[in-house]
Amino acid sequence: MKAVITVVGRDTVGVVARVSQVCAELNINIEDVTQSIMQDMFCMIMLVNLQHCTAPMATVRAALDGVAAKMNMELHLTREEVFDAMHHI
């Protein structure tokens, strides 16, 4: 199962490191990353693989929500099945 993590907020030090740390701790593999800074806004999209994740989704979301709250950023996790359902007629 794959998912997309999006992060948007004021640029600050450590965003990639903190999100990556959560992924590493929960055995979530980061398969691709794109990031940019538009004026003073940091924008990142990560494609992750949840196949070997060691925690339930509620724990993953709580950990990522904690990062978002500490950094005052918007952070969302969207699982692959949501994208599939959105494009299924």
PDB file of N, CA and C in Angstrom:
ATOM      1  N   MET A   1       0.830  -1.177   0.000  1.00  0.00           N
ATOM      2  CA  MET A   1       0.000   0.000   0.000  1.00  0.00           C
ATOM      3  C   MET A   1       0.874   1.239   0.000  1.00  0.00           C
ATOM      4  N   LYS A   2       0.596   2.138  -0.915  1.00  0.00           N
ATOM      5  CA  LYS A   2       1.340   3.381  -0.991  1.00  0.00           C
ATOM      6  C   LYS A   2       0.467   4.525  -0.488  1.00  0.00           C
ATOM      7  N   ALA A   3       1.132   5.632  -0.188  1.00  0.00           N
ATOM      8  CA  ALA A   3       0.434   6.820   0.275  1.00  0.00           C
ATOM      9  C   ALA A   3       1.232   8.040  -0.128  1.00  0.00           C
ATOM     10  N   VAL A   4       0.568   9.193  -0.083  1.00  0.00           N
ATOM     11  CA  VAL A   4       1.212  10.467  -0.364  1.00  0.00           C
ATOM     12  C   VAL A   4       1.138  11.313   0.899  1.00  0.00           C
ATOM     13  N   ILE A   5       2.291  11.851   1.286  1.00  0.00           N
ATOM     14  CA  ILE A   5       2.362  12.788   2.405  1.00  0.00           C
ATOM     15  C   ILE A   5       2.636  14.159   1.808  1.00  0.00           C
ATOM     16  N   THR A   6       1.788  15.129   2.129  1.00  0.00           N
ATOM     17  CA  THR A   6       2.013  16.497   1.672  1.00  0.00           C
ATOM     18  C   THR A   6       2.259  17.389   2.879  1.00  0.00           C
ATOM     19  N   VAL A   7       3.184  18.319   2.716  1.00  0.00           N
ATOM     20  CA  VAL A   7       3.537  19.253   3.777  1.00  0.00           C
ATOM     21  C   VAL A   7       3.605  20.655   3.179  1.00  0.00           C
ATOM     22  N   VAL A   8       2.913  21.597   3.807  1.00  0.00           N
ATOM     23  CA  VAL A   8       2.934  22.980   3.347  1.00  0.00           C
ATOM     24  C   VAL A   8       2.976  23.894   4.570  1.00  0.00           C
ATOM     25  N   GLY A   9       3.840  24.898   4.519  1.00  0.00           N
ATOM     26  CA  GLY A   9       3.915  25.872   5.597  1.00  0.00           C
ATOM     27  C   GLY A   9       5.107  26.781   5.433  1.00  0.00           C
ATOM     28  N   ARG A  10       5.276  27.674   6.367  1.00  0.00           N
ATOM     29  CA  ARG A  10       6.420  28.585   6.336  1.00  0.00           C
ATOM     30  C   ARG A  10       7.710  27.782   6.381  1.00  0.00           C
ATOM     31  N   ASP A  11       8.649  28.169   5.542  1.00  0.00           N
ATOM     32  CA  ASP A  11       9.927  27.464   5.484  1.00  0.00           C
ATOM     33  C   ASP A  11      10.659  27.578   6.817  1.00  0.00           C
ATOM     34  N   THR A  12      11.159  26.448   7.283  1.00  0.00           N
ATOM     35  CA  THR A  12      11.913  26.399   8.530  1.00  0.00           C
ATOM     36  C   THR A  12      12.880  25.223   8.472  1.00  0.00           C
ATOM     37  N   VAL A  13      13.848  25.217   9.335  1.00  0.00           N
ATOM     38  CA  VAL A  13      14.859  24.167   9.361  1.00  0.00           C
ATOM     39  C   VAL A  13      14.256  22.871   9.920  1.00  0.00           C
ATOM     40  N   GLY A  14      14.560  21.747   9.278  1.00  0.00           N
ATOM     41  CA  GLY A  14      14.250  20.442   9.843  1.00  0.00           C
ATOM     42  C   GLY A  14      12.974  19.766   9.402  1.00  0.00           C
ATOM     43  N   VAL A  15      12.253  20.338   8.469  1.00  0.00           N
ATOM     44  CA  VAL A  15      10.981  19.743   8.054  1.00  0.00           C
ATOM     45  C   VAL A  15      11.200  18.342   7.476  1.00  0.00           C
ATOM     46  N   VAL A  16      12.071  18.246   6.490  1.00  0.00           N
ATOM     47  CA  VAL A  16      12.321  16.949   5.843  1.00  0.00           C
ATOM     48  C   VAL A  16      12.838  15.944   6.872  1.00  0.00           C
ATOM     49  N   ALA A  17      13.733  16.384   7.729  1.00  0.00           N
ATOM     50  CA  ALA A  17      14.314  15.492   8.734  1.00  0.00           C
ATOM     51  C   ALA A  17      13.256  14.955   9.687  1.00  0.00           C
ATOM     52  N   ARG A  18      12.356  15.800  10.139  1.00  0.00           N
ATOM     53  CA  ARG A  18      11.342  15.354  11.105  1.00  0.00           C
ATOM     54  C   ARG A  18      10.336  14.391  10.491  1.00  0.00           C
ATOM     55  N   VAL A  19       9.891  14.677   9.277  1.00  0.00           N
ATOM     56  CA  VAL A  19       8.957  13.762   8.607  1.00  0.00           C
ATOM     57  C   VAL A  19       9.664  12.451   8.291  1.00  0.00           C
ATOM     58  N   SER A  20      10.901  12.524   7.823  1.00  0.00           N
ATOM     59  CA  SER A  20      11.680  11.322   7.525  1.00  0.00           C
ATOM     60  C   SER A  20      11.920  10.486   8.778  1.00  0.00           C
ATOM     61  N   GLN A  21      12.143  11.150   9.903  1.00  0.00           N
ATOM     62  CA  GLN A  21      12.369  10.435  11.160  1.00  0.00           C
ATOM     63  C   GLN A  21      11.134   9.622  11.555  1.00  0.00           C
ATOM     64  N   VAL A  22       9.955  10.213  11.419  1.00  0.00           N
ATOM     65  CA  VAL A  22       8.722   9.480  11.721  1.00  0.00           C
ATOM     66  C   VAL A  22       8.613   8.260  10.807  1.00  0.00           C
ATOM     67  N   CYS A  23       8.878   8.462   9.526  1.00  0.00           N
ATOM     68  CA  CYS A  23       8.819   7.342   8.578  1.00  0.00           C
ATOM     69  C   CYS A  23       9.795   6.235   8.980  1.00  0.00           C
ATOM     70  N   ALA A  24      11.009   6.600   9.318  1.00  0.00           N
ATOM     71  CA  ALA A  24      12.015   5.610   9.699  1.00  0.00           C
ATOM     72  C   ALA A  24      11.596   4.852  10.966  1.00  0.00           C
ATOM     73  N   GLU A  25      11.092   5.583  11.942  1.00  0.00           N
ATOM     74  CA  GLU A  25      10.685   4.952  13.204  1.00  0.00           C
ATOM     75  C   GLU A  25       9.556   3.951  13.007  1.00  0.00           C
ATOM     76  N   LEU A  26       8.676   4.205  12.032  1.00  0.00           N
ATOM     77  CA  LEU A  26       7.519   3.339  11.801  1.00  0.00           C
ATOM     78  C   LEU A  26       7.724   2.378  10.633  1.00  0.00           C
ATOM     79  N   ASN A  27       8.960   2.322  10.129  1.00  0.00           N
ATOM     80  CA  ASN A  27       9.322   1.428   9.031  1.00  0.00           C
ATOM     81  C   ASN A  27       8.512   1.718   7.757  1.00  0.00           C
ATOM     82  N   ILE A  28       8.349   2.996   7.473  1.00  0.00           N
ATOM     83  CA  ILE A  28       7.678   3.456   6.257  1.00  0.00           C
ATOM     84  C   ILE A  28       8.766   3.857   5.266  1.00  0.00           C
ATOM     85  N   ASN A  29       8.750   3.240   4.096  1.00  0.00           N
ATOM     86  CA  ASN A  29       9.775   3.507   3.095  1.00  0.00           C
ATOM     87  C   ASN A  29       9.403   4.727   2.248  1.00  0.00           C
ATOM     88  N   ILE A  30      10.306   5.686   2.165  1.00  0.00           N
ATOM     89  CA  ILE A  30      10.107   6.851   1.309  1.00  0.00           C
ATOM     90  C   ILE A  30      10.618   6.483  -0.079  1.00  0.00           C
ATOM     91  N   GLU A  31       9.713   6.487  -1.056  1.00  0.00           N
ATOM     92  CA  GLU A  31      10.075   6.084  -2.412  1.00  0.00           C
ATOM     93  C   GLU A  31      10.420   7.261  -3.316  1.00  0.00           C
ATOM     94  N   ASP A  32       9.834   8.408  -3.056  1.00  0.00           N
ATOM     95  CA  ASP A  32      10.116   9.578  -3.887  1.00  0.00           C
ATOM     96  C   ASP A  32       9.779  10.829  -3.091  1.00  0.00           C
ATOM     97  N   VAL A  33      10.512  11.893  -3.353  1.00  0.00           N
ATOM     98  CA  VAL A  33      10.287  13.174  -2.664  1.00  0.00           C
ATOM     99  C   VAL A  33      10.470  14.302  -3.659  1.00  0.00           C
ATOM    100  N   THR A  34       9.586  15.261  -3.596  1.00  0.00           N
ATOM    101  CA  THR A  34       9.778  16.504  -4.314  1.00  0.00           C
ATOM    102  C   THR A  34       9.477  17.634  -3.340  1.00  0.00           C
ATOM    103  N   GLN A  35      10.275  18.661  -3.416  1.00  0.00           N
ATOM    104  CA  GLN A  35      10.060  19.794  -2.524  1.00  0.00           C
ATOM    105  C   GLN A  35      10.465  21.071  -3.231  1.00  0.00           C
ATOM    106  N   SER A  36       9.851  22.147  -2.811  1.00  0.00           N
ATOM    107  CA  SER A  36      10.229  23.451  -3.338  1.00  0.00           C
ATOM    108  C   SER A  36       9.878  24.507  -2.301  1.00  0.00           C
ATOM    109  N   ILE A  37      10.512  25.639  -2.457  1.00  0.00           N
ATOM    110  CA  ILE A  37      10.216  26.784  -1.617  1.00  0.00           C
ATOM    111  C   ILE A  37       9.712  27.874  -2.544  1.00  0.00           C
ATOM    112  N   MET A  38       8.493  28.292  -2.325  1.00  0.00           N
ATOM    113  CA  MET A  38       7.876  29.333  -3.137  1.00  0.00           C
ATOM    114  C   MET A  38       7.735  30.563  -2.255  1.00  0.00           C
ATOM    115  N   GLN A  39       8.590  31.544  -2.535  1.00  0.00           N
ATOM    116  CA  GLN A  39       8.769  32.711  -1.681  1.00  0.00           C
ATOM    117  C   GLN A  39       9.185  32.203  -0.302  1.00  0.00           C
ATOM    118  N   ASP A  40       8.367  32.297   0.720  1.00  0.00           N
ATOM    119  CA  ASP A  40       8.787  31.779   2.025  1.00  0.00           C
ATOM    120  C   ASP A  40       7.967  30.560   2.453  1.00  0.00           C
ATOM    121  N   MET A  41       7.265  29.951   1.489  1.00  0.00           N
ATOM    122  CA  MET A  41       6.444  28.774   1.787  1.00  0.00           C
ATOM    123  C   MET A  41       7.160  27.502   1.333  1.00  0.00           C
ATOM    124  N   PHE A  42       7.249  26.536   2.241  1.00  0.00           N
ATOM    125  CA  PHE A  42       7.851  25.241   1.964  1.00  0.00           C
ATOM    126  C   PHE A  42       6.737  24.297   1.513  1.00  0.00           C
ATOM    127  N   CYS A  43       6.962  23.584   0.412  1.00  0.00           N
ATOM    128  CA  CYS A  43       5.995  22.625  -0.123  1.00  0.00           C
ATOM    129  C   CYS A  43       6.716  21.314  -0.405  1.00  0.00           C
ATOM    130  N   MET A  44       6.191  20.214   0.132  1.00  0.00           N
ATOM    131  CA  MET A  44       6.823  18.915  -0.090  1.00  0.00           C
ATOM    132  C   MET A  44       5.756  17.856  -0.345  1.00  0.00           C
ATOM    133  N   ILE A  45       6.074  16.955  -1.261  1.00  0.00           N
ATOM    134  CA  ILE A  45       5.241  15.787  -1.528  1.00  0.00           C
ATOM    135  C   ILE A  45       6.140  14.568  -1.436  1.00  0.00           C
ATOM    136  N   MET A  46       5.728  13.602  -0.626  1.00  0.00           N
ATOM    137  CA  MET A  46       6.464  12.340  -0.485  1.00  0.00           C
ATOM    138  C   MET A  46       5.562  11.191  -0.918  1.00  0.00           C
ATOM    139  N   LEU A  47       6.100  10.302  -1.726  1.00  0.00           N
ATOM    140  CA  LEU A  47       5.429   9.048  -2.031  1.00  0.00           C
ATOM    141  C   LEU A  47       6.048   8.013  -1.110  1.00  0.00           C
ATOM    142  N   VAL A  48       5.220   7.374  -0.289  1.00  0.00           N
ATOM    143  CA  VAL A  48       5.731   6.401   0.675  1.00  0.00           C
ATOM    144  C   VAL A  48       5.068   5.049   0.482  1.00  0.00           C
ATOM    145  N   ASN A  49       5.763   4.011   0.933  1.00  0.00           N
ATOM    146  CA  ASN A  49       5.249   2.648   0.885  1.00  0.00           C
ATOM    147  C   ASN A  49       4.991   2.204   2.313  1.00  0.00           C
ATOM    148  N   LEU A  50       3.750   1.823   2.589  1.00  0.00           N
ATOM    149  CA  LEU A  50       3.328   1.420   3.936  1.00  0.00           C
ATOM    150  C   LEU A  50       3.366  -0.090   4.150  1.00  0.00           C
ATOM    151  N   GLN A  51       3.886  -0.817   3.187  1.00  0.00           N
ATOM    152  CA  GLN A  51       3.833  -2.285   3.227  1.00  0.00           C
ATOM    153  C   GLN A  51       4.418  -2.869   4.506  1.00  0.00           C
ATOM    154  N   HIS A  52       5.512  -2.325   4.980  1.00  0.00           N
ATOM    155  CA  HIS A  52       6.177  -2.877   6.162  1.00  0.00           C
ATOM    156  C   HIS A  52       6.019  -1.988   7.398  1.00  0.00           C
ATOM    157  N   CYS A  53       5.049  -1.101   7.352  1.00  0.00           N
ATOM    158  CA  CYS A  53       4.812  -0.191   8.473  1.00  0.00           C
ATOM    159  C   CYS A  53       4.513  -0.999   9.734  1.00  0.00           C
ATOM    160  N   THR A  54       5.117  -0.587  10.837  1.00  0.00           N
ATOM    161  CA  THR A  54       5.014  -1.337  12.090  1.00  0.00           C
ATOM    162  C   THR A  54       3.924  -0.818  13.020  1.00  0.00           C
ATOM    163  N   ALA A  55       3.094   0.108  12.548  1.00  0.00           N
ATOM    164  CA  ALA A  55       2.076   0.701  13.410  1.00  0.00           C
ATOM    165  C   ALA A  55       0.747   0.816  12.669  1.00  0.00           C
ATOM    166  N   PRO A  56      -0.351   0.848  13.412  1.00  0.00           N
ATOM    167  CA  PRO A  56      -1.651   1.075  12.765  1.00  0.00           C
ATOM    168  C   PRO A  56      -1.733   2.501  12.215  1.00  0.00           C
ATOM    169  N   MET A  57      -2.636   2.708  11.268  1.00  0.00           N
ATOM    170  CA  MET A  57      -2.749   4.012  10.620  1.00  0.00           C
ATOM    171  C   MET A  57      -3.043   5.131  11.615  1.00  0.00           C
ATOM    172  N   ALA A  58      -3.790   4.860  12.647  1.00  0.00           N
ATOM    173  CA  ALA A  58      -4.086   5.892  13.647  1.00  0.00           C
ATOM    174  C   ALA A  58      -2.801   6.396  14.306  1.00  0.00           C
ATOM    175  N   THR A  59      -1.863   5.490  14.548  1.00  0.00           N
ATOM    176  CA  THR A  59      -0.583   5.859  15.146  1.00  0.00           C
ATOM    177  C   THR A  59       0.258   6.669  14.162  1.00  0.00           C
ATOM    178  N   VAL A  60       0.244   6.263  12.895  1.00  0.00           N
ATOM    179  CA  VAL A  60       0.985   6.985  11.862  1.00  0.00           C
ATOM    180  C   VAL A  60       0.451   8.415  11.755  1.00  0.00           C
ATOM    181  N   ARG A  61      -0.862   8.527  11.672  1.00  0.00           N
ATOM    182  CA  ARG A  61      -1.469   9.856  11.559  1.00  0.00           C
ATOM    183  C   ARG A  61      -1.167  10.713  12.789  1.00  0.00           C
ATOM    184  N   ALA A  62      -1.232  10.124  13.963  1.00  0.00           N
ATOM    185  CA  ALA A  62      -0.948  10.874  15.190  1.00  0.00           C
ATOM    186  C   ALA A  62       0.497  11.368  15.213  1.00  0.00           C
ATOM    187  N   ALA A  63       1.422  10.528  14.773  1.00  0.00           N
ATOM    188  CA  ALA A  63       2.833  10.924  14.741  1.00  0.00           C
ATOM    189  C   ALA A  63       3.053  12.072  13.755  1.00  0.00           C
ATOM    190  N   LEU A  64       2.451  11.972  12.588  1.00  0.00           N
ATOM    191  CA  LEU A  64       2.584  13.032  11.588  1.00  0.00           C
ATOM    192  C   LEU A  64       1.872  14.313  12.030  1.00  0.00           C
ATOM    193  N   ASP A  65       0.725  14.158  12.690  1.00  0.00           N
ATOM    194  CA  ASP A  65       0.025  15.330  13.227  1.00  0.00           C
ATOM    195  C   ASP A  65       0.876  16.039  14.274  1.00  0.00           C
ATOM    196  N   GLY A  66       1.630  15.268  15.048  1.00  0.00           N
ATOM    197  CA  GLY A  66       2.524  15.851  16.042  1.00  0.00           C
ATOM    198  C   GLY A  66       3.612  16.687  15.395  1.00  0.00           C
ATOM    199  N   VAL A  67       4.173  16.185  14.304  1.00  0.00           N
ATOM    200  CA  VAL A  67       5.184  16.942  13.557  1.00  0.00           C
ATOM    201  C   VAL A  67       4.570  18.227  13.020  1.00  0.00           C
ATOM    202  N   ALA A  68       3.392  18.127  12.443  1.00  0.00           N
ATOM    203  CA  ALA A  68       2.722  19.299  11.873  1.00  0.00           C
ATOM    204  C   ALA A  68       2.459  20.355  12.945  1.00  0.00           C
ATOM    205  N   ALA A  69       1.995  19.919  14.097  1.00  0.00           N
ATOM    206  CA  ALA A  69       1.688  20.856  15.176  1.00  0.00           C
ATOM    207  C   ALA A  69       2.956  21.547  15.683  1.00  0.00           C
ATOM    208  N   LYS A  70       4.028  20.783  15.862  1.00  0.00           N
ATOM    209  CA  LYS A  70       5.282  21.362  16.356  1.00  0.00           C
ATOM    210  C   LYS A  70       5.861  22.377  15.378  1.00  0.00           C
ATOM    211  N   MET A  71       5.667  22.131  14.079  1.00  0.00           N
ATOM    212  CA  MET A  71       6.258  22.994  13.067  1.00  0.00           C
ATOM    213  C   MET A  71       5.259  24.012  12.513  1.00  0.00           C
ATOM    214  N   ASN A  72       4.012  23.978  13.030  1.00  0.00           N
ATOM    215  CA  ASN A  72       2.967  24.893  12.583  1.00  0.00           C
ATOM    216  C   ASN A  72       2.787  24.823  11.067  1.00  0.00           C
ATOM    217  N   MET A  73       2.607  23.582  10.563  1.00  0.00           N
ATOM    218  CA  MET A  73       2.459  23.339   9.130  1.00  0.00           C
ATOM    219  C   MET A  73       1.234  22.474   8.873  1.00  0.00           C
ATOM    220  N   GLU A  74       0.775  22.490   7.635  1.00  0.00           N
ATOM    221  CA  GLU A  74      -0.279  21.581   7.198  1.00  0.00           C
ATOM    222  C   GLU A  74       0.393  20.310   6.699  1.00  0.00           C
ATOM    223  N   LEU A  75      -0.034  19.171   7.199  1.00  0.00           N
ATOM    224  CA  LEU A  75       0.551  17.896   6.790  1.00  0.00           C
ATOM    225  C   LEU A  75      -0.598  16.909   6.618  1.00  0.00           C
ATOM    226  N   HIS A  76      -0.637  16.264   5.459  1.00  0.00           N
ATOM    227  CA  HIS A  76      -1.712  15.310   5.178  1.00  0.00           C
ATOM    228  C   HIS A  76      -1.138  13.997   4.651  1.00  0.00           C
ATOM    229  N   LEU A  77      -1.748  12.920   5.063  1.00  0.00           N
ATOM    230  CA  LEU A  77      -1.417  11.583   4.569  1.00  0.00           C
ATOM    231  C   LEU A  77      -2.645  11.063   3.833  1.00  0.00           C
ATOM    232  N   THR A  78      -2.469  10.718   2.565  1.00  0.00           N
ATOM    233  CA  THR A  78      -3.566  10.184   1.757  1.00  0.00           C
ATOM    234  C   THR A  78      -3.139   8.833   1.211  1.00  0.00           C
ATOM    235  N   ARG A  79      -3.886   7.813   1.578  1.00  0.00           N
ATOM    236  CA  ARG A  79      -3.531   6.468   1.123  1.00  0.00           C
ATOM    237  C   ARG A  79      -3.953   6.247  -0.329  1.00  0.00           C
ATOM    238  N   GLU A  80      -3.248   5.346  -0.971  1.00  0.00           N
ATOM    239  CA  GLU A  80      -3.461   5.025  -2.380  1.00  0.00           C
ATOM    240  C   GLU A  80      -4.920   4.660  -2.669  1.00  0.00           C
ATOM    241  N   GLU A  81      -5.557   3.964  -1.777  1.00  0.00           N
ATOM    242  CA  GLU A  81      -6.935   3.528  -2.003  1.00  0.00           C
ATOM    243  C   GLU A  81      -7.895   4.719  -2.137  1.00  0.00           C
ATOM    244  N   VAL A  82      -7.584   5.832  -1.510  1.00  0.00           N
ATOM    245  CA  VAL A  82      -8.409   7.032  -1.649  1.00  0.00           C
ATOM    246  C   VAL A  82      -8.314   7.566  -3.073  1.00  0.00           C
ATOM    247  N   PHE A  83      -7.081   7.634  -3.604  1.00  0.00           N
ATOM    248  CA  PHE A  83      -6.911   8.080  -4.994  1.00  0.00           C
ATOM    249  C   PHE A  83      -7.610   7.131  -5.953  1.00  0.00           C
ATOM    250  N   ASP A  84      -7.511   5.830  -5.699  1.00  0.00           N
ATOM    251  CA  ASP A  84      -8.169   4.842  -6.554  1.00  0.00           C
ATOM    252  C   ASP A  84      -9.682   5.032  -6.529  1.00  0.00           C
ATOM    253  N   ALA A  85     -10.241   5.265  -5.351  1.00  0.00           N
ATOM    254  CA  ALA A  85     -11.690   5.448  -5.221  1.00  0.00           C
ATOM    255  C   ALA A  85     -12.152   6.735  -5.909  1.00  0.00           C
ATOM    256  N   MET A  86     -11.334   7.781  -5.855  1.00  0.00           N
ATOM    257  CA  MET A  86     -11.692   9.056  -6.478  1.00  0.00           C
ATOM    258  C   MET A  86     -11.759   8.935  -7.993  1.00  0.00           C
ATOM    259  N   HIS A  87     -10.986   8.022  -8.567  1.00  0.00           N
ATOM    260  CA  HIS A  87     -10.918   7.905 -10.023  1.00  0.00           C
ATOM    261  C   HIS A  87     -11.660   6.687 -10.558  1.00  0.00           C
ATOM    262  N   HIS A  88     -12.402   6.035  -9.695  1.00  0.00           N
ATOM    263  CA  HIS A  88     -13.193   4.860 -10.106  1.00  0.00           C
ATOM    264  C   HIS A  88     -14.631   5.303 -10.342  1.00  0.00           C
ATOM    265  N   ILE A  89     -15.137   4.956 -11.494  1.00  0.00           N
ATOM    266  CA  ILE A  89     -16.524   5.349 -11.807  1.00  0.00           C
ATOM    267  C   ILE A  89     -17.448   4.190 -11.590  1.00  0.00           C
TER     268      ILE A  89
END
